[in-house]
Amino acid sequence: MAYMTCTAPCIGCGKLFSFNPYRVPSVRVNGVREPCCRQCVERVNELRLEKGEEPFVIPGDAYEAEECL
């Protein structure tokens, strides 16, 4: 059984982190999806809640390896 994971810097804080490329929260920059680490998404969600907005959903497997066929 094989597993796939990606590693890249977070678009928010620049920290290197691992993630599932199909599930990780991201931001489009010039049409390219740039990944966000869990800590940055949680920080943004706190700000959204303070404004009365819905938080972004973080999929449970967003920061785990993806099983490959």
N, C-alpha and C. Protein backbone atom coordinates (compact mmCIF):
# COMPACT_ATOMS: atom_id res chain seq x y z
N MET A 1 0.85 -1.17 0.00
CA MET A 1 0.00 0.00 0.00
C MET A 1 0.90 1.24 0.00
N ALA A 2 0.56 2.22 -0.83
CA ALA A 2 1.36 3.44 -0.93
C ALA A 2 0.55 4.63 -0.42
N TYR A 3 1.25 5.60 0.09
CA TYR A 3 0.62 6.81 0.60
C TYR A 3 1.30 8.02 0.01
N MET A 4 0.53 9.08 -0.20
CA MET A 4 1.07 10.31 -0.77
C MET A 4 0.83 11.46 0.20
N THR A 5 1.82 12.28 0.36
CA THR A 5 1.69 13.50 1.13
C THR A 5 2.56 14.55 0.46
N CYS A 6 2.24 15.79 0.63
CA CYS A 6 3.03 16.89 0.09
C CYS A 6 3.62 17.69 1.25
N THR A 7 4.69 18.36 0.97
CA THR A 7 5.30 19.27 1.93
C THR A 7 5.56 20.59 1.21
N ALA A 8 5.14 21.68 1.83
CA ALA A 8 5.33 23.00 1.24
C ALA A 8 5.23 24.05 2.35
N PRO A 9 5.67 25.27 2.06
CA PRO A 9 5.49 26.34 3.05
C PRO A 9 4.05 26.84 3.05
N CYS A 10 3.57 27.22 4.22
CA CYS A 10 2.23 27.77 4.37
C CYS A 10 2.18 29.15 3.73
N ILE A 11 1.11 29.45 3.02
CA ILE A 11 0.93 30.76 2.38
C ILE A 11 0.78 31.86 3.43
N GLY A 12 0.33 31.50 4.64
CA GLY A 12 0.12 32.51 5.68
C GLY A 12 1.36 32.83 6.48
N CYS A 13 2.03 31.80 7.01
CA CYS A 13 3.14 32.03 7.93
C CYS A 13 4.50 31.60 7.38
N GLY A 14 4.50 30.85 6.28
CA GLY A 14 5.76 30.41 5.68
C GLY A 14 6.35 29.14 6.29
N LYS A 15 5.70 28.60 7.34
CA LYS A 15 6.20 27.39 7.99
C LYS A 15 6.05 26.20 7.05
N LEU A 16 7.07 25.34 6.98
CA LEU A 16 7.01 24.12 6.18
C LEU A 16 6.13 23.11 6.90
N PHE A 17 5.18 22.48 6.17
CA PHE A 17 4.29 21.50 6.79
C PHE A 17 3.87 20.46 5.76
N SER A 18 3.38 19.31 6.24
CA SER A 18 2.91 18.22 5.37
C SER A 18 1.40 18.25 5.31
N PHE A 19 0.85 17.83 4.14
CA PHE A 19 -0.59 17.89 3.96
C PHE A 19 -1.04 16.97 2.84
N ASN A 20 -2.34 16.70 2.82
CA ASN A 20 -2.99 15.97 1.74
C ASN A 20 -3.34 17.01 0.67
N PRO A 21 -2.75 16.93 -0.52
CA PRO A 21 -2.95 17.98 -1.52
C PRO A 21 -4.39 18.11 -2.01
N TYR A 22 -5.20 17.08 -1.82
CA TYR A 22 -6.58 17.12 -2.28
C TYR A 22 -7.54 17.67 -1.23
N ARG A 23 -7.11 17.75 0.02
CA ARG A 23 -8.02 18.11 1.11
C ARG A 23 -7.61 19.36 1.89
N VAL A 24 -6.37 19.80 1.77
CA VAL A 24 -5.87 20.91 2.58
C VAL A 24 -6.58 22.22 2.21
N PRO A 25 -6.93 23.04 3.20
CA PRO A 25 -7.45 24.37 2.90
C PRO A 25 -6.38 25.18 2.16
N SER A 26 -6.81 25.97 1.19
CA SER A 26 -5.85 26.72 0.39
C SER A 26 -6.41 28.06 -0.03
N VAL A 27 -5.52 28.88 -0.56
CA VAL A 27 -5.86 30.20 -1.08
C VAL A 27 -5.35 30.25 -2.51
N ARG A 28 -6.15 30.77 -3.41
CA ARG A 28 -5.69 30.91 -4.80
C ARG A 28 -4.89 32.20 -4.95
N VAL A 29 -3.68 32.07 -5.47
CA VAL A 29 -2.81 33.20 -5.76
C VAL A 29 -2.44 33.10 -7.24
N ASN A 30 -2.89 34.06 -8.03
CA ASN A 30 -2.65 34.03 -9.48
C ASN A 30 -3.12 32.71 -10.09
N GLY A 31 -4.24 32.18 -9.61
CA GLY A 31 -4.82 30.97 -10.13
C GLY A 31 -4.22 29.68 -9.61
N VAL A 32 -3.23 29.77 -8.72
CA VAL A 32 -2.57 28.58 -8.18
C VAL A 32 -2.99 28.39 -6.73
N ARG A 33 -3.40 27.16 -6.38
CA ARG A 33 -3.77 26.87 -4.99
C ARG A 33 -2.52 26.84 -4.11
N GLU A 34 -2.50 27.66 -3.08
CA GLU A 34 -1.40 27.70 -2.12
C GLU A 34 -1.92 27.18 -0.78
N PRO A 35 -1.27 26.18 -0.19
CA PRO A 35 -1.78 25.54 1.03
C PRO A 35 -1.64 26.40 2.28
N CYS A 36 -2.57 26.19 3.23
CA CYS A 36 -2.56 26.88 4.52
C CYS A 36 -2.40 25.84 5.63
N CYS A 37 -1.51 26.11 6.58
CA CYS A 37 -1.32 25.18 7.70
C CYS A 37 -2.51 25.27 8.66
N ARG A 38 -2.67 24.26 9.50
CA ARG A 38 -3.79 24.21 10.44
C ARG A 38 -3.80 25.43 11.36
N GLN A 39 -2.63 25.85 11.85
CA GLN A 39 -2.58 26.98 12.78
C GLN A 39 -3.08 28.26 12.13
N CYS A 40 -2.74 28.49 10.86
CA CYS A 40 -3.21 29.70 10.18
C CYS A 40 -4.71 29.65 9.93
N VAL A 41 -5.23 28.48 9.54
CA VAL A 41 -6.67 28.36 9.32
C VAL A 41 -7.41 28.58 10.64
N GLU A 42 -6.90 28.02 11.74
CA GLU A 42 -7.54 28.22 13.04
C GLU A 42 -7.49 29.68 13.46
N ARG A 43 -6.39 30.37 13.17
CA ARG A 43 -6.28 31.80 13.50
C ARG A 43 -7.30 32.62 12.70
N VAL A 44 -7.43 32.31 11.41
CA VAL A 44 -8.41 33.00 10.56
C VAL A 44 -9.82 32.70 11.04
N ASN A 45 -10.07 31.45 11.44
CA ASN A 45 -11.40 31.09 11.93
C ASN A 45 -11.78 31.87 13.18
N GLU A 46 -10.82 32.12 14.06
CA GLU A 46 -11.11 32.94 15.25
C GLU A 46 -11.57 34.33 14.84
N LEU A 47 -10.89 34.92 13.87
CA LEU A 47 -11.25 36.25 13.39
C LEU A 47 -12.62 36.24 12.72
N ARG A 48 -12.91 35.20 11.95
CA ARG A 48 -14.20 35.08 11.30
C ARG A 48 -15.33 34.98 12.32
N LEU A 49 -15.11 34.19 13.37
CA LEU A 49 -16.13 34.05 14.42
C LEU A 49 -16.38 35.37 15.13
N GLU A 50 -15.31 36.14 15.38
CA GLU A 50 -15.47 37.46 16.02
C GLU A 50 -16.32 38.39 15.17
N LYS A 51 -16.25 38.23 13.84
CA LYS A 51 -17.03 39.07 12.92
C LYS A 51 -18.42 38.51 12.68
N GLY A 52 -18.73 37.35 13.29
CA GLY A 52 -20.03 36.73 13.09
C GLY A 52 -20.12 35.91 11.80
N GLU A 53 -18.98 35.60 11.20
CA GLU A 53 -18.95 34.81 9.97
C GLU A 53 -18.73 33.34 10.29
N GLU A 54 -19.11 32.48 9.37
CA GLU A 54 -18.91 31.04 9.53
C GLU A 54 -17.42 30.71 9.39
N PRO A 55 -16.91 29.82 10.24
CA PRO A 55 -15.50 29.42 10.11
C PRO A 55 -15.31 28.50 8.91
N PHE A 56 -14.09 28.47 8.39
CA PHE A 56 -13.75 27.53 7.32
C PHE A 56 -13.68 26.14 7.93
N VAL A 57 -14.17 25.15 7.20
CA VAL A 57 -14.14 23.77 7.65
C VAL A 57 -12.78 23.18 7.30
N ILE A 58 -12.16 22.52 8.29
CA ILE A 58 -10.89 21.84 8.05
C ILE A 58 -11.21 20.34 7.96
N PRO A 59 -11.08 19.75 6.77
CA PRO A 59 -11.35 18.30 6.66
C PRO A 59 -10.45 17.51 7.60
N GLY A 60 -10.99 16.45 8.18
CA GLY A 60 -10.24 15.65 9.14
C GLY A 60 -8.95 15.07 8.61
N ASP A 61 -8.88 14.84 7.30
CA ASP A 61 -7.69 14.24 6.71
C ASP A 61 -6.83 15.25 5.93
N ALA A 62 -7.03 16.52 6.16
CA ALA A 62 -6.32 17.56 5.42
C ALA A 62 -4.81 17.55 5.66
N TYR A 63 -4.40 17.11 6.82
CA TYR A 63 -2.98 17.16 7.17
C TYR A 63 -2.41 15.76 7.37
N GLU A 64 -3.01 14.77 6.67
CA GLU A 64 -2.56 13.38 6.76
C GLU A 64 -2.30 12.84 5.36
N ALA A 65 -1.56 11.75 5.27
CA ALA A 65 -1.23 11.14 3.98
C ALA A 65 -2.47 10.58 3.31
N GLU A 66 -2.47 10.60 2.00
CA GLU A 66 -3.56 10.07 1.18
C GLU A 66 -3.16 8.70 0.65
N GLU A 67 -4.03 7.71 0.78
CA GLU A 67 -3.74 6.39 0.24
C GLU A 67 -3.83 6.43 -1.29
N CYS A 68 -2.82 5.87 -1.95
CA CYS A 68 -2.79 5.82 -3.41
C CYS A 68 -3.19 4.44 -3.89
N LEU A 69 -3.73 4.37 -5.07
CA LEU A 69 -4.12 3.09 -5.65
C LEU A 69 -2.91 2.38 -6.23
